[in-house]
Amino acid sequence: MTNLVRPPRYWTDFLLQCNIIGVGSAAIVLMSGFFTGGVLALQSSATLSQFGATAVTGDSFPHDDSRVGARAHRIMVAGRNASSMASELGSMIVTEQIDAMRLSAWIPSASW
């Protein structure tokens, strides 16, 4: 934990990872958020039509989307980035890069 504040600091790598995590997730999050919002509006209008209140679908939708959408976007970003990092680690294991880092003492050897 104390190594986080000690040199060397790799700011370019840090900014590259921030770019991959943040900006790289934008397209998939916006696309899936758009379709999630569409389904939410469709379902709410179907429910409101039973009471003859389809005109208020647009008025009530932003309130619902602000609550549901924020949670859904967090889950989408976490899922996208976790799967990306897991696949990167998997490819590093296949190409024996993890073994090379263990050999050069960058990663302590596992006790398995």
Protein backbone atom coordinates (compact mmCIF):
# COMPACT_ATOMS: atom_id res chain seq x y z
CA MET A 1 0.00 0.00 0.00
CA THR A 2 2.83 2.42 0.69
CA ASN A 3 4.23 1.83 -2.79
CA LEU A 4 1.39 3.87 -4.25
CA VAL A 5 2.97 7.12 -3.14
CA ARG A 6 6.62 6.24 -3.79
CA PRO A 7 8.45 6.81 -7.05
CA PRO A 8 8.55 5.68 -9.78
CA ARG A 9 5.12 6.92 -10.80
CA TYR A 10 3.91 5.86 -14.21
CA TRP A 11 1.56 8.70 -15.10
CA THR A 12 1.31 7.82 -18.78
CA ASP A 13 0.26 4.26 -17.97
CA PHE A 14 -2.17 5.58 -15.37
CA LEU A 15 -3.76 7.99 -17.84
CA LEU A 16 -3.90 5.31 -20.51
CA GLN A 17 -5.78 2.98 -18.16
CA CYS A 18 -8.14 5.80 -17.15
CA ASN A 19 -8.82 6.42 -20.84
CA ILE A 20 -9.48 2.74 -21.52
CA ILE A 21 -11.75 2.39 -18.50
CA GLY A 22 -13.66 5.65 -18.85
CA VAL A 23 -13.77 6.67 -22.50
CA GLY A 24 -13.61 3.10 -23.76
CA SER A 25 -16.76 2.25 -21.82
CA ALA A 26 -18.76 5.20 -23.11
CA ALA A 27 -20.02 3.63 -26.34
CA ILE A 28 -21.24 0.37 -24.86
CA VAL A 29 -22.77 2.10 -21.83
CA LEU A 30 -24.59 4.67 -23.96
CA MET A 31 -25.90 2.03 -26.34
CA SER A 32 -27.09 -0.35 -23.66
CA GLY A 33 -28.44 2.55 -21.60
CA PHE A 34 -30.44 3.75 -24.59
CA PHE A 35 -32.03 0.36 -25.10
CA THR A 36 -32.64 -0.11 -21.37
CA GLY A 37 -34.38 3.26 -21.28
CA GLY A 38 -36.45 2.33 -24.32
CA VAL A 39 -37.62 -0.89 -22.70
CA LEU A 40 -38.37 0.94 -19.45
CA ALA A 41 -40.47 3.54 -21.30
CA LEU A 42 -42.26 0.82 -23.27
CA GLN A 43 -43.08 -1.17 -20.16
CA SER A 44 -44.23 1.87 -18.20
CA SER A 45 -46.47 3.04 -21.05
CA ALA A 46 -48.05 -0.43 -21.25
CA THR A 47 -48.77 -0.32 -17.52
CA LEU A 48 -50.05 3.26 -17.63
CA SER A 49 -52.36 2.48 -20.57
CA GLN A 50 -54.41 0.23 -18.28
CA PHE A 51 -55.30 3.35 -16.27
CA GLY A 52 -55.70 5.63 -19.30
CA ALA A 53 -52.63 7.66 -18.38
CA THR A 54 -50.31 7.09 -21.33
CA ALA A 55 -49.84 10.85 -21.65
CA VAL A 56 -47.79 10.95 -18.43
CA THR A 57 -45.25 8.38 -19.62
CA GLY A 58 -42.88 11.12 -20.74
CA ASP A 59 -43.36 13.08 -17.54
CA SER A 60 -42.69 10.19 -15.17
CA PHE A 61 -39.95 8.55 -17.17
CA PRO A 62 -37.02 10.90 -16.30
CA HIS A 63 -37.62 10.33 -12.59
CA ASP A 64 -37.59 6.56 -13.02
CA ASP A 65 -34.60 6.62 -15.33
CA SER A 66 -32.53 8.76 -12.99
CA ARG A 67 -32.89 6.17 -10.24
CA VAL A 68 -32.68 2.98 -12.29
CA GLY A 69 -30.29 4.32 -14.91
CA ALA A 70 -27.56 5.32 -12.50
CA ARG A 71 -27.41 1.85 -10.99
CA ALA A 72 -27.60 0.16 -14.38
CA HIS A 73 -24.77 2.30 -15.76
CA ARG A 74 -22.53 1.46 -12.80
CA ILE A 75 -23.16 -2.23 -13.34
CA MET A 76 -22.47 -1.93 -17.08
CA VAL A 77 -19.18 -0.09 -16.55
CA ALA A 78 -18.05 -2.55 -13.87
CA GLY A 79 -18.96 -5.56 -16.00
CA ARG A 80 -17.30 -4.22 -19.12
CA ASN A 81 -14.07 -3.31 -17.36
CA ALA A 82 -13.90 -6.46 -15.24
CA SER A 83 -14.29 -8.68 -18.29
CA SER A 84 -11.70 -6.65 -20.17
CA MET A 85 -9.16 -6.96 -17.36
CA ALA A 86 -9.86 -10.66 -16.92
CA SER A 87 -9.33 -11.33 -20.62
CA GLU A 88 -6.11 -9.33 -20.55
CA LEU A 89 -4.83 -11.39 -17.62
CA GLY A 90 -5.92 -14.59 -19.36
CA SER A 91 -4.00 -13.70 -22.50
CA MET A 92 -0.96 -12.84 -20.36
CA ILE A 93 -1.13 -16.31 -18.77
CA VAL A 94 -1.39 -17.99 -22.17
CA THR A 95 1.62 -16.10 -23.54
CA GLU A 96 3.55 -16.83 -20.32
CA GLN A 97 4.05 -13.16 -19.45
CA ILE A 98 2.91 -13.80 -15.86
CA ASP A 99 5.55 -16.52 -15.50
CA ALA A 100 8.18 -14.10 -16.78
CA MET A 101 7.14 -11.47 -14.22
CA ARG A 102 7.25 -14.07 -11.44
CA LEU A 103 10.72 -15.08 -12.57
CA SER A 104 11.92 -11.49 -12.47
CA ALA A 105 10.24 -11.07 -9.02
CA TRP A 106 7.61 -8.55 -10.12
CA ILE A 107 4.87 -10.83 -8.81
CA PRO A 108 5.33 -13.11 -5.81
CA SER A 109 4.86 -16.76 -6.63
CA ALA A 110 1.51 -18.25 -5.76
CA SER A 111 1.25 -20.95 -3.15
CA TRP A 112 -0.87 -23.33 -5.19
